[in-house]
Amino acid sequence: MIDQSLLFLFPAAMAFAAAMDMLTMTIPNRISLVLIASFFVAAYFAGLSGHQVLMHLATGAVVLAAGFALFAARVFGGGDAKLLAASSLWIGFEHLFDYVYLIAVFGGFLAFAILIGRKFFPEGSLRAPKWVLRLQSRESGIPYGLAITASALFIYPSTDFFRGLAF
């Protein structure tokens, strides 16, 4: 029963991160902390070996370093970098390149859609909720948490965690 619950924890946390990023343009640290803490519990119940756990930890560390480099270059937000690293723990090295590729693809579509929306609906032209107006603003960034989440949910069913917890 616990392993079945853990199966849905990752998608639920990622969906919450995407919603928060879209609505507030921030990803709370507690989401990344929940993903990191639950990683160890899920690894145990999924039956991952010590070597597999170390590979997942190394993947997370490398992605965290790359994420902070992107943050320093003002390409990514800090929350995006932390979410990407925490989710990479769950994705693992085996699927990391597919994960990053899909983030770029989904992120490109997302950026294109937001830029088109900004062109056809200039700032101040709509009566809409605050979060829509924030996306409409040219000074606002792109909520990359959406692309990170879409990619994670696409890759997750083929990970060691999913196979270990679902079957």
N, C-alpha and C. Protein backbone atom coordinates (compact mmCIF):
# COMPACT_ATOMS: atom_id res chain seq x y z
N MET A 1 0.82 -1.19 0.00
CA MET A 1 0.00 0.00 0.00
C MET A 1 0.86 1.26 0.00
N ILE A 2 1.94 1.25 0.80
CA ILE A 2 2.82 2.42 0.85
C ILE A 2 3.48 2.62 -0.50
N ASP A 3 3.94 1.53 -1.12
CA ASP A 3 4.61 1.67 -2.41
C ASP A 3 3.66 2.21 -3.48
N GLN A 4 2.38 1.83 -3.41
CA GLN A 4 1.40 2.38 -4.35
C GLN A 4 1.21 3.88 -4.12
N SER A 5 1.21 4.30 -2.86
CA SER A 5 1.08 5.73 -2.55
C SER A 5 2.30 6.49 -3.05
N LEU A 6 3.48 5.91 -2.88
CA LEU A 6 4.70 6.56 -3.34
C LEU A 6 4.73 6.70 -4.86
N LEU A 7 4.06 5.79 -5.55
CA LEU A 7 3.99 5.83 -7.00
C LEU A 7 3.38 7.15 -7.48
N PHE A 8 2.42 7.67 -6.72
CA PHE A 8 1.71 8.90 -7.12
C PHE A 8 2.29 10.16 -6.49
N LEU A 9 3.21 10.01 -5.55
CA LEU A 9 3.78 11.18 -4.89
C LEU A 9 4.56 12.07 -5.86
N PHE A 10 5.39 11.46 -6.68
CA PHE A 10 6.19 12.23 -7.63
C PHE A 10 5.32 13.00 -8.61
N PRO A 11 4.37 12.37 -9.29
CA PRO A 11 3.53 13.16 -10.21
C PRO A 11 2.73 14.25 -9.50
N ALA A 12 2.25 13.97 -8.29
CA ALA A 12 1.47 14.97 -7.56
C ALA A 12 2.34 16.17 -7.18
N ALA A 13 3.55 15.91 -6.70
CA ALA A 13 4.45 17.01 -6.33
C ALA A 13 4.84 17.83 -7.56
N MET A 14 5.08 17.16 -8.67
CA MET A 14 5.44 17.87 -9.89
C MET A 14 4.27 18.71 -10.41
N ALA A 15 3.06 18.16 -10.35
CA ALA A 15 1.89 18.92 -10.79
C ALA A 15 1.68 20.15 -9.91
N PHE A 16 1.90 19.99 -8.62
CA PHE A 16 1.78 21.13 -7.70
C PHE A 16 2.82 22.19 -8.02
N ALA A 17 4.05 21.76 -8.33
CA ALA A 17 5.11 22.71 -8.69
C ALA A 17 4.74 23.48 -9.95
N ALA A 18 4.20 22.77 -10.94
CA ALA A 18 3.80 23.44 -12.19
C ALA A 18 2.70 24.45 -11.94
N ALA A 19 1.72 24.07 -11.14
CA ALA A 19 0.62 24.99 -10.84
C ALA A 19 1.13 26.23 -10.10
N MET A 20 1.99 26.03 -9.13
CA MET A 20 2.54 27.16 -8.38
C MET A 20 3.36 28.08 -9.29
N ASP A 21 4.14 27.48 -10.18
CA ASP A 21 4.96 28.29 -11.08
C ASP A 21 4.09 29.10 -12.03
N MET A 22 3.04 28.48 -12.54
CA MET A 22 2.15 29.18 -13.45
C MET A 22 1.40 30.31 -12.74
N LEU A 23 0.93 30.04 -11.54
CA LEU A 23 0.11 31.01 -10.82
C LEU A 23 0.91 32.11 -10.15
N THR A 24 2.11 31.80 -9.67
CA THR A 24 2.86 32.78 -8.88
C THR A 24 4.26 33.07 -9.41
N MET A 25 4.71 32.33 -10.41
CA MET A 25 6.07 32.43 -10.95
C MET A 25 7.13 32.11 -9.90
N THR A 26 6.74 31.30 -8.91
CA THR A 26 7.70 30.81 -7.92
C THR A 26 7.40 29.34 -7.66
N ILE A 27 8.45 28.59 -7.38
CA ILE A 27 8.31 27.19 -7.00
C ILE A 27 8.83 27.09 -5.57
N PRO A 28 7.94 26.82 -4.62
CA PRO A 28 8.37 26.78 -3.21
C PRO A 28 9.44 25.72 -2.96
N ASN A 29 10.38 26.06 -2.10
CA ASN A 29 11.46 25.12 -1.74
C ASN A 29 10.91 23.83 -1.16
N ARG A 30 9.78 23.89 -0.48
CA ARG A 30 9.25 22.69 0.17
C ARG A 30 8.90 21.60 -0.84
N ILE A 31 8.58 21.97 -2.08
CA ILE A 31 8.29 20.95 -3.09
C ILE A 31 9.56 20.17 -3.40
N SER A 32 10.65 20.88 -3.62
CA SER A 32 11.93 20.20 -3.89
C SER A 32 12.37 19.37 -2.69
N LEU A 33 12.17 19.90 -1.49
CA LEU A 33 12.54 19.16 -0.27
C LEU A 33 11.71 17.88 -0.12
N VAL A 34 10.43 17.95 -0.44
CA VAL A 34 9.58 16.75 -0.39
C VAL A 34 10.07 15.72 -1.40
N LEU A 35 10.42 16.17 -2.60
CA LEU A 35 10.92 15.24 -3.62
C LEU A 35 12.23 14.59 -3.18
N ILE A 36 13.11 15.36 -2.58
CA ILE A 36 14.40 14.82 -2.13
C ILE A 36 14.21 13.84 -0.98
N ALA A 37 13.43 14.22 0.02
CA ALA A 37 13.21 13.34 1.18
C ALA A 37 12.49 12.06 0.78
N SER A 38 11.48 12.18 -0.05
CA SER A 38 10.71 11.00 -0.44
C SER A 38 11.49 10.10 -1.39
N PHE A 39 12.51 10.65 -2.04
CA PHE A 39 13.35 9.85 -2.92
C PHE A 39 13.92 8.64 -2.18
N PHE A 40 14.42 8.87 -0.98
CA PHE A 40 15.05 7.79 -0.22
C PHE A 40 14.05 6.72 0.19
N VAL A 41 12.86 7.13 0.60
CA VAL A 41 11.81 6.18 0.97
C VAL A 41 11.37 5.39 -0.26
N ALA A 42 11.15 6.11 -1.36
CA ALA A 42 10.71 5.45 -2.60
C ALA A 42 11.78 4.51 -3.13
N ALA A 43 13.06 4.90 -3.01
CA ALA A 43 14.14 4.03 -3.47
C ALA A 43 14.13 2.70 -2.72
N TYR A 44 13.88 2.76 -1.42
CA TYR A 44 13.81 1.54 -0.62
C TYR A 44 12.66 0.66 -1.09
N PHE A 45 11.47 1.24 -1.21
CA PHE A 45 10.30 0.44 -1.59
C PHE A 45 10.33 -0.01 -3.05
N ALA A 46 11.04 0.73 -3.90
CA ALA A 46 11.16 0.33 -5.31
C ALA A 46 12.22 -0.75 -5.49
N GLY A 47 13.00 -1.02 -4.44
CA GLY A 47 14.01 -2.06 -4.50
C GLY A 47 15.27 -1.65 -5.25
N LEU A 48 15.59 -0.36 -5.28
CA LEU A 48 16.80 0.09 -5.95
C LEU A 48 18.03 -0.37 -5.16
N SER A 49 19.05 -0.77 -5.89
CA SER A 49 20.30 -1.19 -5.25
C SER A 49 21.07 0.04 -4.77
N GLY A 50 22.08 -0.20 -3.95
CA GLY A 50 22.93 0.89 -3.48
C GLY A 50 23.59 1.62 -4.64
N HIS A 51 24.02 0.87 -5.64
CA HIS A 51 24.65 1.47 -6.82
C HIS A 51 23.65 2.36 -7.56
N GLN A 52 22.43 1.88 -7.73
CA GLN A 52 21.41 2.68 -8.41
C GLN A 52 21.12 3.97 -7.65
N VAL A 53 21.02 3.88 -6.33
CA VAL A 53 20.76 5.07 -5.51
C VAL A 53 21.90 6.07 -5.67
N LEU A 54 23.14 5.58 -5.65
CA LEU A 54 24.29 6.48 -5.83
C LEU A 54 24.28 7.14 -7.21
N MET A 55 23.89 6.40 -8.23
CA MET A 55 23.80 6.98 -9.58
C MET A 55 22.73 8.07 -9.64
N HIS A 56 21.61 7.82 -8.98
CA HIS A 56 20.54 8.83 -8.94
C HIS A 56 21.02 10.07 -8.18
N LEU A 57 21.74 9.87 -7.07
CA LEU A 57 22.27 11.01 -6.31
C LEU A 57 23.30 11.79 -7.13
N ALA A 58 24.15 11.09 -7.84
CA ALA A 58 25.14 11.76 -8.69
C ALA A 58 24.44 12.56 -9.80
N THR A 59 23.40 11.98 -10.35
CA THR A 59 22.62 12.68 -11.38
C THR A 59 22.04 13.97 -10.82
N GLY A 60 21.45 13.87 -9.64
CA GLY A 60 20.88 15.06 -9.01
C GLY A 60 21.93 16.13 -8.74
N ALA A 61 23.12 15.71 -8.30
CA ALA A 61 24.19 16.67 -8.00
C ALA A 61 24.68 17.37 -9.27
N VAL A 62 24.85 16.62 -10.34
CA VAL A 62 25.30 17.21 -11.61
C VAL A 62 24.25 18.18 -12.14
N VAL A 63 22.99 17.79 -12.07
CA VAL A 63 21.92 18.66 -12.55
C VAL A 63 21.79 19.90 -11.68
N LEU A 64 22.00 19.76 -10.38
CA LEU A 64 21.96 20.93 -9.49
C LEU A 64 23.06 21.93 -9.88
N ALA A 65 24.26 21.42 -10.14
CA ALA A 65 25.36 22.31 -10.55
C ALA A 65 25.04 23.00 -11.87
N ALA A 66 24.52 22.24 -12.83
CA ALA A 66 24.15 22.83 -14.12
C ALA A 66 23.01 23.83 -13.95
N GLY A 67 22.05 23.50 -13.10
CA GLY A 67 20.92 24.40 -12.85
C GLY A 67 21.36 25.70 -12.23
N PHE A 68 22.30 25.64 -11.29
CA PHE A 68 22.80 26.88 -10.68
C PHE A 68 23.61 27.70 -11.68
N ALA A 69 24.30 27.02 -12.61
CA ALA A 69 25.00 27.76 -13.67
C ALA A 69 23.99 28.49 -14.56
N LEU A 70 22.88 27.82 -14.89
CA LEU A 70 21.82 28.47 -15.68
C LEU A 70 21.17 29.61 -14.90
N PHE A 71 21.03 29.43 -13.59
CA PHE A 71 20.48 30.49 -12.75
C PHE A 71 21.42 31.69 -12.72
N ALA A 72 22.71 31.42 -12.58
CA ALA A 72 23.70 32.51 -12.55
C ALA A 72 23.73 33.26 -13.88
N ALA A 73 23.46 32.55 -14.97
CA ALA A 73 23.41 33.17 -16.30
C ALA A 73 22.05 33.81 -16.58
N ARG A 74 21.15 33.76 -15.61
CA ARG A 74 19.80 34.33 -15.71
C ARG A 74 18.95 33.68 -16.80
N VAL A 75 19.23 32.40 -17.07
CA VAL A 75 18.43 31.64 -18.02
C VAL A 75 17.26 30.97 -17.31
N PHE A 76 17.49 30.54 -16.09
CA PHE A 76 16.54 29.81 -15.27
C PHE A 76 16.32 30.55 -13.97
N GLY A 77 15.17 30.32 -13.36
CA GLY A 77 14.95 30.80 -12.00
C GLY A 77 15.55 29.82 -11.01
N GLY A 78 15.75 30.26 -9.79
CA GLY A 78 16.31 29.39 -8.75
C GLY A 78 15.39 28.22 -8.43
N GLY A 79 14.09 28.47 -8.40
CA GLY A 79 13.13 27.39 -8.15
C GLY A 79 13.15 26.35 -9.25
N ASP A 80 13.30 26.81 -10.49
CA ASP A 80 13.39 25.88 -11.62
C ASP A 80 14.62 24.99 -11.48
N ALA A 81 15.75 25.59 -11.11
CA ALA A 81 17.00 24.84 -10.95
C ALA A 81 16.86 23.78 -9.86
N LYS A 82 16.26 24.17 -8.73
CA LYS A 82 16.10 23.23 -7.62
C LYS A 82 15.10 22.12 -7.97
N LEU A 83 13.99 22.49 -8.64
CA LEU A 83 13.01 21.48 -9.04
C LEU A 83 13.62 20.51 -10.05
N LEU A 84 14.39 21.03 -10.98
CA LEU A 84 15.03 20.18 -11.97
C LEU A 84 15.98 19.18 -11.31
N ALA A 85 16.75 19.64 -10.34
CA ALA A 85 17.69 18.75 -9.64
C ALA A 85 16.94 17.71 -8.81
N ALA A 86 15.91 18.15 -8.08
CA ALA A 86 15.15 17.22 -7.23
C ALA A 86 14.42 16.18 -8.08
N SER A 87 13.87 16.60 -9.20
CA SER A 87 13.16 15.65 -10.05
C SER A 87 14.14 14.72 -10.76
N SER A 88 15.35 15.19 -11.02
CA SER A 88 16.36 14.34 -11.65
C SER A 88 16.78 13.18 -10.76
N LEU A 89 16.66 13.36 -9.45
CA LEU A 89 16.89 12.24 -8.54
C LEU A 89 15.96 11.08 -8.89
N TRP A 90 14.72 11.41 -9.17
CA TRP A 90 13.71 10.39 -9.49
C TRP A 90 13.87 9.86 -10.91
N ILE A 91 14.31 10.70 -11.83
CA ILE A 91 14.44 10.30 -13.23
C ILE A 91 15.67 9.43 -13.44
N GLY A 92 16.78 9.81 -12.84
CA GLY A 92 18.01 9.03 -12.94
C GLY A 92 18.80 9.30 -14.21
N PHE A 93 20.04 8.85 -14.20
CA PHE A 93 20.95 9.10 -15.32
C PHE A 93 20.48 8.42 -16.60
N GLU A 94 19.90 7.24 -16.45
CA GLU A 94 19.46 6.45 -17.61
C GLU A 94 18.54 7.24 -18.53
N HIS A 95 17.72 8.11 -17.97
CA HIS A 95 16.74 8.87 -18.76
C HIS A 95 17.02 10.38 -18.76
N LEU A 96 18.17 10.77 -18.24
CA LEU A 96 18.46 12.20 -18.07
C LEU A 96 18.48 12.96 -19.39
N PHE A 97 19.11 12.41 -20.40
CA PHE A 97 19.23 13.14 -21.66
C PHE A 97 17.87 13.28 -22.35
N ASP A 98 17.06 12.23 -22.29
CA ASP A 98 15.69 12.34 -22.82
C ASP A 98 14.91 13.40 -22.04
N TYR A 99 15.10 13.41 -20.74
CA TYR A 99 14.41 14.37 -19.87
C TYR A 99 14.78 15.81 -20.24
N VAL A 100 16.06 16.08 -20.35
CA VAL A 100 16.52 17.43 -20.69
C VAL A 100 16.06 17.82 -22.10
N TYR A 101 16.11 16.87 -23.02
CA TYR A 101 15.65 17.14 -24.39
C TYR A 101 14.17 17.52 -24.39
N LEU A 102 13.36 16.75 -23.68
CA LEU A 102 11.93 17.05 -23.63
C LEU A 102 11.65 18.38 -22.93
N ILE A 103 12.45 18.72 -21.93
CA ILE A 103 12.28 20.03 -21.28
C ILE A 103 12.52 21.14 -22.30
N ALA A 104 13.55 20.97 -23.13
CA ALA A 104 13.84 21.97 -24.16
C ALA A 104 12.69 22.06 -25.17
N VAL A 105 12.17 20.91 -25.58
CA VAL A 105 11.06 20.90 -26.54
C VAL A 105 9.81 21.52 -25.94
N PHE A 106 9.39 21.02 -24.78
CA PHE A 106 8.18 21.57 -24.14
C PHE A 106 8.39 23.04 -23.76
N GLY A 107 9.58 23.37 -23.30
CA GLY A 107 9.88 24.76 -22.96
C GLY A 107 9.84 25.67 -24.18
N GLY A 108 10.30 25.17 -25.31
CA GLY A 108 10.23 25.94 -26.55
C GLY A 108 8.80 26.20 -26.97
N PHE A 109 7.96 25.17 -26.90
CA PHE A 109 6.54 25.35 -27.23
C PHE A 109 5.88 26.32 -26.26
N LEU A 110 6.20 26.18 -24.99
CA LEU A 110 5.63 27.07 -23.97
C LEU A 110 6.04 28.52 -24.21
N ALA A 111 7.33 28.74 -24.45
CA ALA A 111 7.82 30.09 -24.71
C ALA A 111 7.17 30.67 -25.96
N PHE A 112 7.07 29.86 -27.00
CA PHE A 112 6.44 30.30 -28.25
C PHE A 112 4.99 30.69 -28.01
N ALA A 113 4.26 29.86 -27.29
CA ALA A 113 2.84 30.15 -27.01
C ALA A 113 2.69 31.44 -26.20
N ILE A 114 3.54 31.63 -25.20
CA ILE A 114 3.46 32.84 -24.38
C ILE A 114 3.84 34.07 -25.20
N LEU A 115 4.87 33.95 -26.03
CA LEU A 115 5.27 35.09 -26.85
C LEU A 115 4.20 35.45 -27.88
N ILE A 116 3.57 34.45 -28.47
CA ILE A 116 2.46 34.71 -29.40
C ILE A 116 1.31 35.37 -28.66
N GLY A 117 1.00 34.86 -27.47
CA GLY A 117 -0.06 35.47 -26.66
C GLY A 117 0.24 36.92 -26.33
N ARG A 118 1.49 37.21 -26.03
CA ARG A 118 1.88 38.59 -25.73
C ARG A 118 1.76 39.49 -26.96
N LYS A 119 2.00 38.91 -28.13
CA LYS A 119 1.91 39.71 -29.36
C LYS A 119 0.46 40.04 -29.69
N PHE A 120 -0.42 39.05 -29.59
CA PHE A 120 -1.82 39.26 -29.98
C PHE A 120 -2.66 39.88 -28.87
N PHE A 121 -2.22 39.74 -27.64
CA PHE A 121 -2.94 40.33 -26.50
C PHE A 121 -1.95 41.15 -25.68
N PRO A 122 -1.64 42.37 -26.14
CA PRO A 122 -0.66 43.20 -25.44
C PRO A 122 -1.06 43.46 -24.00
N GLU A 123 -0.07 43.79 -23.22
CA GLU A 123 -0.29 44.05 -21.80
C GLU A 123 -1.38 45.10 -21.62
N GLY A 124 -2.34 44.79 -20.75
CA GLY A 124 -3.44 45.70 -20.47
C GLY A 124 -4.64 45.54 -21.38
N SER A 125 -4.59 44.62 -22.34
CA SER A 125 -5.70 44.46 -23.28
C SER A 125 -6.76 43.48 -22.80
N LEU A 126 -6.49 42.77 -21.73
CA LEU A 126 -7.43 41.76 -21.24
C LEU A 126 -7.84 42.05 -19.80
N ARG A 127 -9.07 41.67 -19.50
CA ARG A 127 -9.48 41.58 -18.09
C ARG A 127 -9.36 40.10 -17.76
N ALA A 128 -8.41 39.79 -16.91
CA ALA A 128 -8.12 38.38 -16.63
C ALA A 128 -7.57 38.26 -15.22
N PRO A 129 -7.49 37.03 -14.72
CA PRO A 129 -6.88 36.82 -13.40
C PRO A 129 -5.44 37.34 -13.39
N LYS A 130 -4.98 37.63 -12.19
CA LYS A 130 -3.65 38.22 -12.00
C LYS A 130 -2.54 37.38 -12.65
N TRP A 131 -2.65 36.04 -12.55
CA TRP A 131 -1.59 35.20 -13.09
C TRP A 131 -1.54 35.27 -14.61
N VAL A 132 -2.69 35.46 -15.27
CA VAL A 132 -2.71 35.61 -16.73
C VAL A 132 -2.07 36.94 -17.11
N LEU A 133 -2.39 37.98 -16.36
CA LEU A 133 -1.80 39.30 -16.62
C LEU A 133 -0.29 39.26 -16.42
N ARG A 134 0.17 38.47 -15.46
CA ARG A 134 1.62 38.33 -15.23
C ARG A 134 2.28 37.67 -16.43
N LEU A 135 1.64 36.66 -17.00
CA LEU A 135 2.20 36.00 -18.19
C LEU A 135 2.20 36.94 -19.38
N GLN A 136 1.25 37.86 -19.40
CA GLN A 136 1.11 38.81 -20.49
C GLN A 136 2.22 39.88 -20.47
N SER A 137 2.78 40.11 -19.31
CA SER A 137 3.79 41.16 -19.15
C SER A 137 5.11 40.77 -19.81
N ARG A 138 5.68 41.70 -20.56
CA ARG A 138 6.96 41.45 -21.22
C ARG A 138 8.12 41.33 -20.22
N GLU A 139 7.95 41.89 -19.03
CA GLU A 139 9.00 41.81 -18.01
C GLU A 139 8.98 40.47 -17.28
N SER A 140 7.90 39.74 -17.44
CA SER A 140 7.75 38.46 -16.76
C SER A 140 8.50 37.38 -17.54
N GLY A 141 9.00 36.41 -16.82
CA GLY A 141 9.69 35.30 -17.46
C GLY A 141 8.72 34.24 -17.96
N ILE A 142 9.26 33.10 -18.25
CA ILE A 142 8.48 31.94 -18.70
C ILE A 142 8.43 30.96 -17.54
N PRO A 143 7.24 30.48 -17.16
CA PRO A 143 7.16 29.52 -16.05
C PRO A 143 7.65 28.13 -16.48
N TYR A 144 8.98 27.95 -16.45
CA TYR A 144 9.58 26.71 -16.92
C TYR A 144 9.21 25.49 -16.09
N GLY A 145 8.64 25.72 -14.91
CA GLY A 145 8.17 24.59 -14.12
C GLY A 145 7.15 23.75 -14.87
N LEU A 146 6.41 24.39 -15.77
CA LEU A 146 5.44 23.66 -16.60
C LEU A 146 6.16 22.69 -17.54
N ALA A 147 7.22 23.15 -18.19
CA ALA A 147 7.97 22.30 -19.10
C ALA A 147 8.70 21.19 -18.35
N ILE A 148 9.24 21.52 -17.19
CA ILE A 148 9.93 20.52 -16.37
C ILE A 148 8.94 19.44 -15.95
N THR A 149 7.75 19.85 -15.52
CA THR A 149 6.74 18.89 -15.08
C THR A 149 6.24 18.04 -16.23
N ALA A 150 5.94 18.65 -17.37
CA ALA A 150 5.46 17.88 -18.53
C ALA A 150 6.48 16.82 -18.91
N SER A 151 7.75 17.19 -18.92
CA SER A 151 8.81 16.24 -19.27
C SER A 151 8.92 15.13 -18.24
N ALA A 152 8.86 15.50 -16.97
CA ALA A 152 8.96 14.50 -15.90
C ALA A 152 7.81 13.50 -15.98
N LEU A 153 6.61 13.99 -16.21
CA LEU A 153 5.46 13.08 -16.29
C LEU A 153 5.52 12.20 -17.53
N PHE A 154 6.13 12.69 -18.58
CA PHE A 154 6.29 11.91 -19.80
C PHE A 154 7.31 10.78 -19.61
N ILE A 155 8.40 11.08 -18.90
CA ILE A 155 9.50 10.12 -18.71
C ILE A 155 9.24 9.16 -17.54
N TYR A 156 8.56 9.62 -16.51
CA TYR A 156 8.40 8.87 -15.26
C TYR A 156 7.98 7.41 -15.44
N PRO A 157 7.01 7.07 -16.31
CA PRO A 157 6.61 5.66 -16.43
C PRO A 157 7.72 4.71 -16.88
N SER A 158 8.79 5.23 -17.45
CA SER A 158 9.87 4.34 -17.89
C SER A 158 11.05 4.30 -16.92
N THR A 159 10.90 4.91 -15.74
CA THR A 159 11.99 4.95 -14.77
C THR A 159 12.03 3.72 -13.87
N ASP A 160 13.17 3.55 -13.20
CA ASP A 160 13.33 2.47 -12.23
C ASP A 160 12.29 2.58 -11.12
N PHE A 161 12.01 3.80 -10.71
CA PHE A 161 11.04 4.01 -9.63
C PHE A 161 9.66 3.51 -10.02
N PHE A 162 9.22 3.89 -11.17
CA PHE A 162 7.88 3.49 -11.60
C PHE A 162 7.79 1.97 -11.72
N ARG A 163 8.78 1.38 -12.37
CA ARG A 163 8.78 -0.08 -12.53
C ARG A 163 8.83 -0.78 -11.17
N GLY A 164 9.64 -0.25 -10.26
CA GLY A 164 9.78 -0.88 -8.94
C GLY A 164 8.56 -0.71 -8.06
N LEU A 165 7.90 0.43 -8.17
CA LEU A 165 6.74 0.69 -7.31
C LEU A 165 5.44 0.16 -7.91
N ALA A 166 5.34 0.11 -9.22
CA ALA A 166 4.08 -0.29 -9.86
C ALA A 166 3.94 -1.80 -10.00
N PHE A 167 5.07 -2.50 -10.10
CA PHE A 167 4.96 -3.94 -10.39
C PHE A 167 5.56 -4.78 -9.30
